[in-house]
Amino acid sequence: MNTNVIPVSSPTAAKYWSDLKDLSDNVKLELITLLSSSMTRPVEEETAKPHKGWASRFAGAWKDSRSAEEIVADIRAARTDNTFDAEL
């Protein structure tokens, strides 16, 4: 068992260190491996999350010869009232 005093700067780390310091070296190494691998996963997950401003890449992408008023009129004309008879 290692009795060296290791300075811990954050209260959170100090809390966990007090629980983990007496573990065997093998268990500590396993925990290091798990913690290290958990730090690499968020990078991959971050790429799956939408980024701030993601919609801006679509700005100006719509090409149409109609005016805005014509497009709005077409959209309104295509609306339905969504009423239907459902059998239960």
PDB file of N, CA and C in Angstrom:
ATOM      1  N   MET A   1       0.842  -1.170   0.000  1.00  0.00           N
ATOM      2  CA  MET A   1       0.000   0.000   0.000  1.00  0.00           C
ATOM      3  C   MET A   1       0.892   1.239   0.000  1.00  0.00           C
ATOM      4  N   ASN A   2       0.547   2.215  -0.841  1.00  0.00           N
ATOM      5  CA  ASN A   2       1.317   3.438  -0.976  1.00  0.00           C
ATOM      6  C   ASN A   2       0.868   4.437   0.083  1.00  0.00           C
ATOM      7  N   THR A   3       1.798   4.890   0.908  1.00  0.00           N
ATOM      8  CA  THR A   3       1.450   5.829   1.982  1.00  0.00           C
ATOM      9  C   THR A   3       1.898   7.240   1.664  1.00  0.00           C
ATOM     10  N   ASN A   4       2.401   7.487   0.451  1.00  0.00           N
ATOM     11  CA  ASN A   4       2.814   8.832   0.064  1.00  0.00           C
ATOM     12  C   ASN A   4       1.612   9.753   0.051  1.00  0.00           C
ATOM     13  N   VAL A   5       1.838  10.984   0.487  1.00  0.00           N
ATOM     14  CA  VAL A   5       0.774  11.984   0.464  1.00  0.00           C
ATOM     15  C   VAL A   5       0.799  12.647  -0.897  1.00  0.00           C
ATOM     16  N   ILE A   6      -0.339  12.651  -1.567  1.00  0.00           N
ATOM     17  CA  ILE A   6      -0.441  13.242  -2.894  1.00  0.00           C
ATOM     18  C   ILE A   6      -1.341  14.465  -2.785  1.00  0.00           C
ATOM     19  N   PRO A   7      -0.839  15.646  -3.183  1.00  0.00           N
ATOM     20  CA  PRO A   7      -1.683  16.842  -3.096  1.00  0.00           C
ATOM     21  C   PRO A   7      -2.833  16.768  -4.105  1.00  0.00           C
ATOM     22  N   VAL A   8      -4.013  17.125  -3.649  1.00  0.00           N
ATOM     23  CA  VAL A   8      -5.201  17.109  -4.499  1.00  0.00           C
ATOM     24  C   VAL A   8      -5.759  18.522  -4.500  1.00  0.00           C
ATOM     25  N   SER A   9      -5.963  19.078  -5.705  1.00  0.00           N
ATOM     26  CA  SER A   9      -6.340  20.490  -5.790  1.00  0.00           C
ATOM     27  C   SER A   9      -7.842  20.758  -5.748  1.00  0.00           C
ATOM     28  N   SER A  10      -8.658  19.832  -6.194  1.00  0.00           N
ATOM     29  CA  SER A  10     -10.104  20.109  -6.205  1.00  0.00           C
ATOM     30  C   SER A  10     -10.812  19.307  -5.121  1.00  0.00           C
ATOM     31  N   PRO A  11     -11.868  19.880  -4.544  1.00  0.00           N
ATOM     32  CA  PRO A  11     -12.620  19.155  -3.514  1.00  0.00           C
ATOM     33  C   PRO A  11     -13.221  17.853  -4.034  1.00  0.00           C
ATOM     34  N   THR A  12     -13.655  17.850  -5.288  1.00  0.00           N
ATOM     35  CA  THR A  12     -14.240  16.640  -5.860  1.00  0.00           C
ATOM     36  C   THR A  12     -13.197  15.535  -5.951  1.00  0.00           C
ATOM     37  N   ALA A  13     -12.022  15.884  -6.461  1.00  0.00           N
ATOM     38  CA  ALA A  13     -10.945  14.891  -6.555  1.00  0.00           C
ATOM     39  C   ALA A  13     -10.529  14.412  -5.171  1.00  0.00           C
ATOM     40  N   ALA A  14     -10.474  15.322  -4.202  1.00  0.00           N
ATOM     41  CA  ALA A  14     -10.104  14.941  -2.837  1.00  0.00           C
ATOM     42  C   ALA A  14     -11.103  13.949  -2.260  1.00  0.00           C
ATOM     43  N   LYS A  15     -12.389  14.185  -2.550  1.00  0.00           N
ATOM     44  CA  LYS A  15     -13.431  13.279  -2.047  1.00  0.00           C
ATOM     45  C   LYS A  15     -13.227  11.867  -2.599  1.00  0.00           C
ATOM     46  N   TYR A  16     -13.007  11.770  -3.912  1.00  0.00           N
ATOM     47  CA  TYR A  16     -12.822  10.455  -4.520  1.00  0.00           C
ATOM     48  C   TYR A  16     -11.491   9.838  -4.103  1.00  0.00           C
ATOM     49  N   TRP A  17     -10.448  10.653  -3.995  1.00  0.00           N
ATOM     50  CA  TRP A  17      -9.143  10.119  -3.625  1.00  0.00           C
ATOM     51  C   TRP A  17      -9.191   9.459  -2.255  1.00  0.00           C
ATOM     52  N   SER A  18      -9.939  10.057  -1.328  1.00  0.00           N
ATOM     53  CA  SER A  18     -10.009   9.465   0.012  1.00  0.00           C
ATOM     54  C   SER A  18     -10.639   8.068  -0.041  1.00  0.00           C
ATOM     55  N   ASP A  19     -11.534   7.847  -1.015  1.00  0.00           N
ATOM     56  CA  ASP A  19     -12.153   6.529  -1.167  1.00  0.00           C
ATOM     57  C   ASP A  19     -11.271   5.555  -1.954  1.00  0.00           C
ATOM     58  N   LEU A  20     -10.458   6.074  -2.862  1.00  0.00           N
ATOM     59  CA  LEU A  20      -9.719   5.219  -3.793  1.00  0.00           C
ATOM     60  C   LEU A  20      -8.265   4.964  -3.415  1.00  0.00           C
ATOM     61  N   LYS A  21      -7.696   5.782  -2.553  1.00  0.00           N
ATOM     62  CA  LYS A  21      -6.253   5.706  -2.288  1.00  0.00           C
ATOM     63  C   LYS A  21      -5.779   4.362  -1.745  1.00  0.00           C
ATOM     64  N   ASP A  22      -6.645   3.640  -1.070  1.00  0.00           N
ATOM     65  CA  ASP A  22      -6.221   2.369  -0.468  1.00  0.00           C
ATOM     66  C   ASP A  22      -6.495   1.154  -1.350  1.00  0.00           C
ATOM     67  N   LEU A  23      -6.975   1.370  -2.555  1.00  0.00           N
ATOM     68  CA  LEU A  23      -7.213   0.254  -3.472  1.00  0.00           C
ATOM     69  C   LEU A  23      -5.889  -0.330  -3.936  1.00  0.00           C
ATOM     70  N   SER A  24      -5.936  -1.550  -4.421  1.00  0.00           N
ATOM     71  CA  SER A  24      -4.712  -2.181  -4.931  1.00  0.00           C
ATOM     72  C   SER A  24      -4.266  -1.484  -6.217  1.00  0.00           C
ATOM     73  N   ASP A  25      -2.998  -1.645  -6.541  1.00  0.00           N
ATOM     74  CA  ASP A  25      -2.465  -1.042  -7.762  1.00  0.00           C
ATOM     75  C   ASP A  25      -3.207  -1.538  -9.006  1.00  0.00           C
ATOM     76  N   ASN A  26      -3.552  -2.824  -9.022  1.00  0.00           N
ATOM     77  CA  ASN A  26      -4.272  -3.377 -10.174  1.00  0.00           C
ATOM     78  C   ASN A  26      -5.642  -2.726 -10.350  1.00  0.00           C
ATOM     79  N   VAL A  27      -6.348  -2.518  -9.271  1.00  0.00           N
ATOM     80  CA  VAL A  27      -7.659  -1.883  -9.351  1.00  0.00           C
ATOM     81  C   VAL A  27      -7.504  -0.425  -9.776  1.00  0.00           C
ATOM     82  N   LYS A  28      -6.490   0.248  -9.256  1.00  0.00           N
ATOM     83  CA  LYS A  28      -6.240   1.634  -9.665  1.00  0.00           C
ATOM     84  C   LYS A  28      -5.940   1.720 -11.157  1.00  0.00           C
ATOM     85  N   LEU A  29      -5.121   0.779 -11.659  1.00  0.00           N
ATOM     86  CA  LEU A  29      -4.816   0.765 -13.093  1.00  0.00           C
ATOM     87  C   LEU A  29      -6.068   0.514 -13.923  1.00  0.00           C
ATOM     88  N   GLU A  30      -6.926  -0.371 -13.451  1.00  0.00           N
ATOM     89  CA  GLU A  30      -8.178  -0.626 -14.159  1.00  0.00           C
ATOM     90  C   GLU A  30      -9.046   0.639 -14.176  1.00  0.00           C
ATOM     91  N   LEU A  31      -9.103   1.320 -13.052  1.00  0.00           N
ATOM     92  CA  LEU A  31      -9.869   2.569 -12.993  1.00  0.00           C
ATOM     93  C   LEU A  31      -9.283   3.638 -13.912  1.00  0.00           C
ATOM     94  N   ILE A  32      -7.951   3.713 -13.964  1.00  0.00           N
ATOM     95  CA  ILE A  32      -7.296   4.661 -14.870  1.00  0.00           C
ATOM     96  C   ILE A  32      -7.691   4.367 -16.310  1.00  0.00           C
ATOM     97  N   THR A  33      -7.701   3.090 -16.672  1.00  0.00           N
ATOM     98  CA  THR A  33      -8.087   2.693 -18.030  1.00  0.00           C
ATOM     99  C   THR A  33      -9.525   3.093 -18.323  1.00  0.00           C
ATOM    100  N   LEU A  34     -10.412   2.816 -17.384  1.00  0.00           N
ATOM    101  CA  LEU A  34     -11.822   3.168 -17.572  1.00  0.00           C
ATOM    102  C   LEU A  34     -12.015   4.678 -17.671  1.00  0.00           C
ATOM    103  N   LEU A  35     -11.356   5.423 -16.791  1.00  0.00           N
ATOM    104  CA  LEU A  35     -11.478   6.879 -16.837  1.00  0.00           C
ATOM    105  C   LEU A  35     -10.909   7.451 -18.126  1.00  0.00           C
ATOM    106  N   SER A  36      -9.760   6.930 -18.551  1.00  0.00           N
ATOM    107  CA  SER A  36      -9.142   7.410 -19.785  1.00  0.00           C
ATOM    108  C   SER A  36     -10.034   7.147 -20.988  1.00  0.00           C
ATOM    109  N   SER A  37     -10.599   5.954 -21.054  1.00  0.00           N
ATOM    110  CA  SER A  37     -11.461   5.642 -22.201  1.00  0.00           C
ATOM    111  C   SER A  37     -12.745   6.457 -22.163  1.00  0.00           C
ATOM    112  N   SER A  38     -13.211   6.810 -20.976  1.00  0.00           N
ATOM    113  CA  SER A  38     -14.427   7.626 -20.899  1.00  0.00           C
ATOM    114  C   SER A  38     -14.166   9.043 -21.386  1.00  0.00           C
ATOM    115  N   MET A  39     -12.931   9.465 -21.379  1.00  0.00           N
ATOM    116  CA  MET A  39     -12.589  10.807 -21.844  1.00  0.00           C
ATOM    117  C   MET A  39     -12.516  10.878 -23.357  1.00  0.00           C
ATOM    118  N   THR A  40     -12.351   9.766 -24.033  1.00  0.00           N
ATOM    119  CA  THR A  40     -12.281   9.781 -25.490  1.00  0.00           C
ATOM    120  C   THR A  40     -13.657   9.638 -26.129  1.00  0.00           C
ATOM    121  N   ARG A  41     -14.606   9.029 -25.441  1.00  0.00           N
ATOM    122  CA  ARG A  41     -15.941   8.841 -25.991  1.00  0.00           C
ATOM    123  C   ARG A  41     -16.686  10.143 -26.275  1.00  0.00           C
ATOM    124  N   PRO A  42     -16.627  11.132 -25.382  1.00  0.00           N
ATOM    125  CA  PRO A  42     -17.389  12.353 -25.654  1.00  0.00           C
ATOM    126  C   PRO A  42     -16.998  13.041 -26.949  1.00  0.00           C
ATOM    127  N   VAL A  43     -15.751  12.919 -27.384  1.00  0.00           N
ATOM    128  CA  VAL A  43     -15.343  13.540 -28.635  1.00  0.00           C
ATOM    129  C   VAL A  43     -16.157  12.957 -29.777  1.00  0.00           C
ATOM    130  N   GLU A  44     -16.331  11.636 -29.805  1.00  0.00           N
ATOM    131  CA  GLU A  44     -17.125  10.990 -30.843  1.00  0.00           C
ATOM    132  C   GLU A  44     -18.590  11.379 -30.714  1.00  0.00           C
ATOM    133  N   GLU A  45     -19.094  11.448 -29.477  1.00  0.00           N
ATOM    134  CA  GLU A  45     -20.486  11.800 -29.266  1.00  0.00           C
ATOM    135  C   GLU A  45     -20.745  13.253 -29.630  1.00  0.00           C
ATOM    136  N   GLU A  46     -19.773  14.123 -29.433  1.00  0.00           N
ATOM    137  CA  GLU A  46     -19.940  15.531 -29.756  1.00  0.00           C
ATOM    138  C   GLU A  46     -20.188  15.723 -31.244  1.00  0.00           C
ATOM    139  N   THR A  47     -19.578  14.881 -32.085  1.00  0.00           N
ATOM    140  CA  THR A  47     -19.781  15.031 -33.518  1.00  0.00           C
ATOM    141  C   THR A  47     -21.206  14.674 -33.904  1.00  0.00           C
ATOM    142  N   ALA A  48     -21.891  13.884 -33.080  1.00  0.00           N
ATOM    143  CA  ALA A  48     -23.265  13.515 -33.369  1.00  0.00           C
ATOM    144  C   ALA A  48     -24.248  14.584 -32.899  1.00  0.00           C
ATOM    145  N   LYS A  49     -23.815  15.444 -31.987  1.00  0.00           N
ATOM    146  CA  LYS A  49     -24.686  16.498 -31.474  1.00  0.00           C
ATOM    147  C   LYS A  49     -24.727  17.660 -32.458  1.00  0.00           C
ATOM    148  N   PRO A  50     -25.878  18.289 -32.576  1.00  0.00           N
ATOM    149  CA  PRO A  50     -25.931  19.472 -33.444  1.00  0.00           C
ATOM    150  C   PRO A  50     -25.071  20.597 -32.859  1.00  0.00           C
ATOM    151  N   HIS A  51     -24.374  21.280 -33.704  1.00  0.00           N
ATOM    152  CA  HIS A  51     -23.521  22.372 -33.273  1.00  0.00           C
ATOM    153  C   HIS A  51     -24.271  23.682 -33.358  1.00  0.00           C
ATOM    154  N   LYS A  52     -23.900  24.612 -32.497  1.00  0.00           N
ATOM    155  CA  LYS A  52     -24.518  25.929 -32.510  1.00  0.00           C
ATOM    156  C   LYS A  52     -24.332  26.549 -33.895  1.00  0.00           C
ATOM    157  N   GLY A  53     -25.393  27.067 -34.451  1.00  0.00           N
ATOM    158  CA  GLY A  53     -25.330  27.695 -35.762  1.00  0.00           C
ATOM    159  C   GLY A  53     -25.393  26.715 -36.920  1.00  0.00           C
ATOM    160  N   TRP A  54     -25.775  25.466 -36.651  1.00  0.00           N
ATOM    161  CA  TRP A  54     -25.777  24.450 -37.708  1.00  0.00           C
ATOM    162  C   TRP A  54     -26.715  24.813 -38.849  1.00  0.00           C
ATOM    163  N   ALA A  55     -27.777  25.543 -38.566  1.00  0.00           N
ATOM    164  CA  ALA A  55     -28.752  25.866 -39.608  1.00  0.00           C
ATOM    165  C   ALA A  55     -28.223  26.904 -40.587  1.00  0.00           C
ATOM    166  N   SER A  56     -27.224  27.664 -40.188  1.00  0.00           N
ATOM    167  CA  SER A  56     -26.711  28.717 -41.060  1.00  0.00           C
ATOM    168  C   SER A  56     -26.129  28.171 -42.357  1.00  0.00           C
ATOM    169  N   ARG A  57     -25.720  26.920 -42.359  1.00  0.00           N
ATOM    170  CA  ARG A  57     -25.170  26.365 -43.605  1.00  0.00           C
ATOM    171  C   ARG A  57     -26.245  26.187 -44.676  1.00  0.00           C
ATOM    172  N   PHE A  58     -27.514  26.242 -44.264  1.00  0.00           N
ATOM    173  CA  PHE A  58     -28.600  26.127 -45.219  1.00  0.00           C
ATOM    174  C   PHE A  58     -29.080  27.492 -45.718  1.00  0.00           C
ATOM    175  N   ALA A  59     -28.587  28.554 -45.156  1.00  0.00           N
ATOM    176  CA  ALA A  59     -29.017  29.894 -45.539  1.00  0.00           C
ATOM    177  C   ALA A  59     -28.729  30.123 -47.019  1.00  0.00           C
ATOM    178  N   GLY A  60     -29.746  30.560 -47.722  1.00  0.00           N
ATOM    179  CA  GLY A  60     -29.589  30.837 -49.139  1.00  0.00           C
ATOM    180  C   GLY A  60     -29.623  29.601 -50.013  1.00  0.00           C
ATOM    181  N   ALA A  61     -29.881  28.433 -49.444  1.00  0.00           N
ATOM    182  CA  ALA A  61     -29.851  27.199 -50.222  1.00  0.00           C
ATOM    183  C   ALA A  61     -31.105  27.018 -51.070  1.00  0.00           C
ATOM    184  N   TRP A  62     -32.212  27.634 -50.674  1.00  0.00           N
ATOM    185  CA  TRP A  62     -33.456  27.464 -51.404  1.00  0.00           C
ATOM    186  C   TRP A  62     -33.430  28.313 -52.663  1.00  0.00           C
ATOM    187  N   LYS A  63     -33.625  27.694 -53.804  1.00  0.00           N
ATOM    188  CA  LYS A  63     -33.666  28.402 -55.089  1.00  0.00           C
ATOM    189  C   LYS A  63     -35.070  28.254 -55.651  1.00  0.00           C
ATOM    190  N   ASP A  64     -35.694  29.383 -55.968  1.00  0.00           N
ATOM    191  CA  ASP A  64     -37.060  29.355 -56.472  1.00  0.00           C
ATOM    192  C   ASP A  64     -37.303  30.622 -57.272  1.00  0.00           C
ATOM    193  N   SER A  65     -38.059  30.509 -58.336  1.00  0.00           N
ATOM    194  CA  SER A  65     -38.348  31.684 -59.154  1.00  0.00           C
ATOM    195  C   SER A  65     -39.570  32.446 -58.636  1.00  0.00           C
ATOM    196  N   ARG A  66     -40.298  31.840 -57.692  1.00  0.00           N
ATOM    197  CA  ARG A  66     -41.482  32.504 -57.148  1.00  0.00           C
ATOM    198  C   ARG A  66     -41.079  33.556 -56.115  1.00  0.00           C
ATOM    199  N   SER A  67     -41.950  34.548 -55.949  1.00  0.00           N
ATOM    200  CA  SER A  67     -41.724  35.542 -54.901  1.00  0.00           C
ATOM    201  C   SER A  67     -42.109  34.934 -53.560  1.00  0.00           C
ATOM    202  N   ALA A  68     -41.706  35.587 -52.485  1.00  0.00           N
ATOM    203  CA  ALA A  68     -42.048  35.106 -51.150  1.00  0.00           C
ATOM    204  C   ALA A  68     -43.564  35.031 -50.977  1.00  0.00           C
ATOM    205  N   GLU A  69     -44.270  36.014 -51.499  1.00  0.00           N
ATOM    206  CA  GLU A  69     -45.734  36.029 -51.380  1.00  0.00           C
ATOM    207  C   GLU A  69     -46.356  34.834 -52.109  1.00  0.00           C
ATOM    208  N   GLU A  70     -45.809  34.487 -53.276  1.00  0.00           N
ATOM    209  CA  GLU A  70     -46.325  33.336 -54.020  1.00  0.00           C
ATOM    210  C   GLU A  70     -46.061  32.029 -53.276  1.00  0.00           C
ATOM    211  N   ILE A  71     -44.904  31.925 -52.691  1.00  0.00           N
ATOM    212  CA  ILE A  71     -44.569  30.713 -51.929  1.00  0.00           C
ATOM    213  C   ILE A  71     -45.495  30.577 -50.731  1.00  0.00           C
ATOM    214  N   VAL A  72     -45.704  31.668 -50.005  1.00  0.00           N
ATOM    215  CA  VAL A  72     -46.601  31.642 -48.852  1.00  0.00           C
ATOM    216  C   VAL A  72     -48.012  31.258 -49.295  1.00  0.00           C
ATOM    217  N   ALA A  73     -48.473  31.817 -50.411  1.00  0.00           N
ATOM    218  CA  ALA A  73     -49.811  31.488 -50.923  1.00  0.00           C
ATOM    219  C   ALA A  73     -49.905  30.005 -51.276  1.00  0.00           C
ATOM    220  N   ASP A  74     -48.855  29.450 -51.889  1.00  0.00           N
ATOM    221  CA  ASP A  74     -48.839  28.024 -52.221  1.00  0.00           C
ATOM    222  C   ASP A  74     -48.882  27.154 -50.970  1.00  0.00           C
ATOM    223  N   ILE A  75     -48.146  27.545 -49.975  1.00  0.00           N
ATOM    224  CA  ILE A  75     -48.129  26.784 -48.718  1.00  0.00           C
ATOM    225  C   ILE A  75     -49.509  26.808 -48.078  1.00  0.00           C
ATOM    226  N   ARG A  76     -50.103  27.988 -48.027  1.00  0.00           N
ATOM    227  CA  ARG A  76     -51.436  28.101 -47.412  1.00  0.00           C
ATOM    228  C   ARG A  76     -52.480  27.313 -48.207  1.00  0.00           C
ATOM    229  N   ALA A  77     -52.371  27.312 -49.515  1.00  0.00           N
ATOM    230  CA  ALA A  77     -53.326  26.586 -50.346  1.00  0.00           C
ATOM    231  C   ALA A  77     -53.186  25.073 -50.188  1.00  0.00           C
ATOM    232  N   ALA A  78     -52.004  24.621 -49.841  1.00  0.00           N
ATOM    233  CA  ALA A  78     -51.756  23.189 -49.707  1.00  0.00           C
ATOM    234  C   ALA A  78     -52.132  22.651 -48.327  1.00  0.00           C
ATOM    235  N   ARG A  79     -52.473  23.527 -47.416  1.00  0.00           N
ATOM    236  CA  ARG A  79     -52.822  23.080 -46.059  1.00  0.00           C
ATOM    237  C   ARG A  79     -54.102  22.262 -46.072  1.00  0.00           C
ATOM    238  N   THR A  80     -54.163  21.338 -45.136  1.00  0.00           N
ATOM    239  CA  THR A  80     -55.384  20.535 -44.954  1.00  0.00           C
ATOM    240  C   THR A  80     -55.866  20.739 -43.535  1.00  0.00           C
ATOM    241  N   ASP A  81     -57.099  20.384 -43.308  1.00  0.00           N
ATOM    242  CA  ASP A  81     -57.645  20.569 -41.964  1.00  0.00           C
ATOM    243  C   ASP A  81     -57.417  19.349 -41.070  1.00  0.00           C
ATOM    244  N   ASN A  82     -56.804  18.330 -41.626  1.00  0.00           N
ATOM    245  CA  ASN A  82     -56.459  17.129 -40.856  1.00  0.00           C
ATOM    246  C   ASN A  82     -57.649  16.471 -40.156  1.00  0.00           C
ATOM    247  N   THR A  83     -58.793  16.577 -40.749  1.00  0.00           N
ATOM    248  CA  THR A  83     -59.944  15.867 -40.164  1.00  0.00           C
ATOM    249  C   THR A  83     -60.148  14.583 -40.947  1.00  0.00           C
ATOM    250  N   PHE A  84     -60.398  13.522 -40.240  1.00  0.00           N
ATOM    251  CA  PHE A  84     -60.646  12.238 -40.868  1.00  0.00           C
ATOM    252  C   PHE A  84     -61.453  11.384 -39.904  1.00  0.00           C
ATOM    253  N   ASP A  85     -62.137  10.436 -40.445  1.00  0.00           N
ATOM    254  CA  ASP A  85     -62.910   9.507 -39.632  1.00  0.00           C
ATOM    255  C   ASP A  85     -62.016   8.323 -39.298  1.00  0.00           C
ATOM    256  N   ALA A  86     -61.936   8.036 -38.043  1.00  0.00           N
ATOM    257  CA  ALA A  86     -61.108   6.912 -37.597  1.00  0.00           C
ATOM    258  C   ALA A  86     -61.971   5.857 -36.973  1.00  0.00           C
ATOM    259  N   GLU A  87     -61.740   4.627 -37.374  1.00  0.00           N
ATOM    260  CA  GLU A  87     -62.450   3.510 -36.760  1.00  0.00           C
ATOM    261  C   GLU A  87     -61.606   2.968 -35.640  1.00  0.00           C
ATOM    262  N   LEU A  88     -62.220   2.798 -34.513  1.00  0.00           N
ATOM    263  CA  LEU A  88     -61.489   2.250 -33.375  1.00  0.00           C
ATOM    264  C   LEU A  88     -61.929   0.845 -33.089  1.00  0.00           C
TER     265      LEU A  88
END
